[in-house]
């Protein structure tokens, strides 16, 4: 990839449009690939994130959520990776 300063100097020397030169080199706005969207987040994870960001949820509830998440993370660190469940997990009522 050429240096920007060299491209700019070349464009001045040949009276070319700098933005068009960057685009032609794949370095300008048109040449940049679209950002990759984040992977979809499972609905249960989104629910937890919404609760943690919700000002109407008490700090004690947020602390409880974080404590459970930390416990789960610690358990997962001690176990070998497992296959994710193939279907929805039934909640105990």
Protein backbone atom coordinates (compact mmCIF):
# COMPACT_ATOMS: atom_id res chain seq x y z
CA UNK A 1 0.00 0.00 0.00
CA UNK A 2 1.46 3.38 -0.94
CA UNK A 3 1.98 6.05 1.67
CA UNK A 4 -0.67 8.78 1.78
CA UNK A 5 1.94 11.54 1.50
CA UNK A 6 3.35 9.99 -1.69
CA UNK A 7 -0.12 9.64 -3.22
CA UNK A 8 -0.85 13.26 -2.32
CA UNK A 9 2.43 14.44 -3.87
CA UNK A 10 1.79 12.42 -7.02
CA UNK A 11 -1.72 13.88 -7.34
CA UNK A 12 -0.35 17.41 -7.03
CA UNK A 13 2.32 16.66 -9.64
CA UNK A 14 -0.13 15.33 -12.24
CA UNK A 15 -3.05 17.55 -11.20
CA UNK A 16 -5.22 14.55 -10.23
CA UNK A 17 -8.03 14.48 -7.70
CA UNK A 18 -6.67 13.15 -4.40
CA UNK A 19 -9.98 11.58 -3.25
CA UNK A 20 -10.39 9.79 -6.58
CA UNK A 21 -6.83 8.47 -6.36
CA UNK A 22 -7.49 7.11 -2.87
CA UNK A 23 -10.69 5.45 -4.09
CA UNK A 24 -8.84 3.89 -7.04
CA UNK A 25 -6.25 2.48 -4.63
CA UNK A 26 -8.96 1.13 -2.33
CA UNK A 27 -7.91 3.56 0.38
CA UNK A 28 -10.74 6.09 0.15
CA UNK A 29 -14.26 6.11 1.49
CA UNK A 30 -15.60 4.26 -1.55
CA UNK A 31 -12.85 1.67 -1.38
CA UNK A 32 -13.39 0.74 2.24
CA UNK A 33 -15.33 -2.43 2.85
CA UNK A 34 -18.53 -2.12 4.82
CA UNK A 35 -17.97 -2.87 8.50
CA UNK A 36 -18.89 -6.39 9.50
CA UNK A 37 -22.03 -6.36 11.64
CA UNK A 38 -21.72 -8.01 15.04
CA UNK A 39 -22.99 -11.57 15.23
CA UNK A 40 -26.58 -11.97 16.37
CA UNK A 41 -26.96 -12.12 20.13
CA UNK A 42 -29.24 -14.73 21.71
CA UNK A 43 -32.41 -13.23 23.16
CA UNK A 44 -31.62 -14.37 26.73
CA UNK A 45 -28.25 -12.59 26.59
CA UNK A 46 -29.93 -9.43 25.28
CA UNK A 47 -32.42 -9.62 28.15
CA UNK A 48 -29.60 -9.76 30.68
CA UNK A 49 -27.79 -6.84 29.02
CA UNK A 50 -31.00 -4.78 28.98
CA UNK A 51 -31.56 -5.44 32.69
CA UNK A 52 -28.00 -4.42 33.53
CA UNK A 53 -28.43 -1.17 31.57
CA UNK A 54 -31.95 -0.41 32.86
CA UNK A 55 -31.96 2.41 35.44
CA UNK A 56 -35.23 0.99 36.85
CA UNK A 57 -33.53 -2.27 37.90
CA UNK A 58 -32.15 -2.00 41.42
CA UNK A 59 -28.44 -2.17 42.08
CA UNK A 60 -28.98 -5.25 44.25
CA UNK A 61 -30.65 -7.05 41.32
CA UNK A 62 -27.80 -6.01 39.01
CA UNK A 63 -25.28 -7.25 41.59
CA UNK A 64 -27.10 -10.59 41.76
CA UNK A 65 -27.03 -10.92 37.95
CA UNK A 66 -23.32 -10.09 37.84
CA UNK A 67 -22.58 -12.56 40.65
CA UNK A 68 -24.35 -15.39 38.81
CA UNK A 69 -22.54 -14.50 35.57
CA UNK A 70 -19.18 -14.49 37.38
CA UNK A 71 -19.97 -17.87 38.93
CA UNK A 72 -20.89 -19.32 35.53
CA UNK A 73 -17.76 -17.88 33.93
CA UNK A 74 -15.59 -19.38 36.68
CA UNK A 75 -17.24 -22.79 36.22
CA UNK A 76 -16.70 -22.64 32.47
CA UNK A 77 -13.03 -21.78 32.96
CA UNK A 78 -12.61 -25.04 34.92
CA UNK A 79 -14.29 -27.28 32.32
CA UNK A 80 -13.39 -28.35 28.82
CA UNK A 81 -15.44 -26.76 26.06
CA UNK A 82 -18.75 -28.50 25.46
CA UNK A 83 -21.15 -28.52 22.56
CA UNK A 84 -23.86 -25.85 22.92
CA UNK A 85 -27.39 -27.12 23.47
CA UNK A 86 -29.25 -27.76 20.24
CA UNK A 87 -32.63 -26.45 21.35
CA UNK A 88 -34.14 -24.06 23.87
CA UNK A 89 -33.27 -24.79 27.45
CA UNK A 90 -36.30 -25.50 29.62
CA UNK A 91 -36.51 -23.22 32.62
CA UNK A 92 -37.33 -24.70 35.99
CA UNK A 93 -40.59 -23.28 37.27
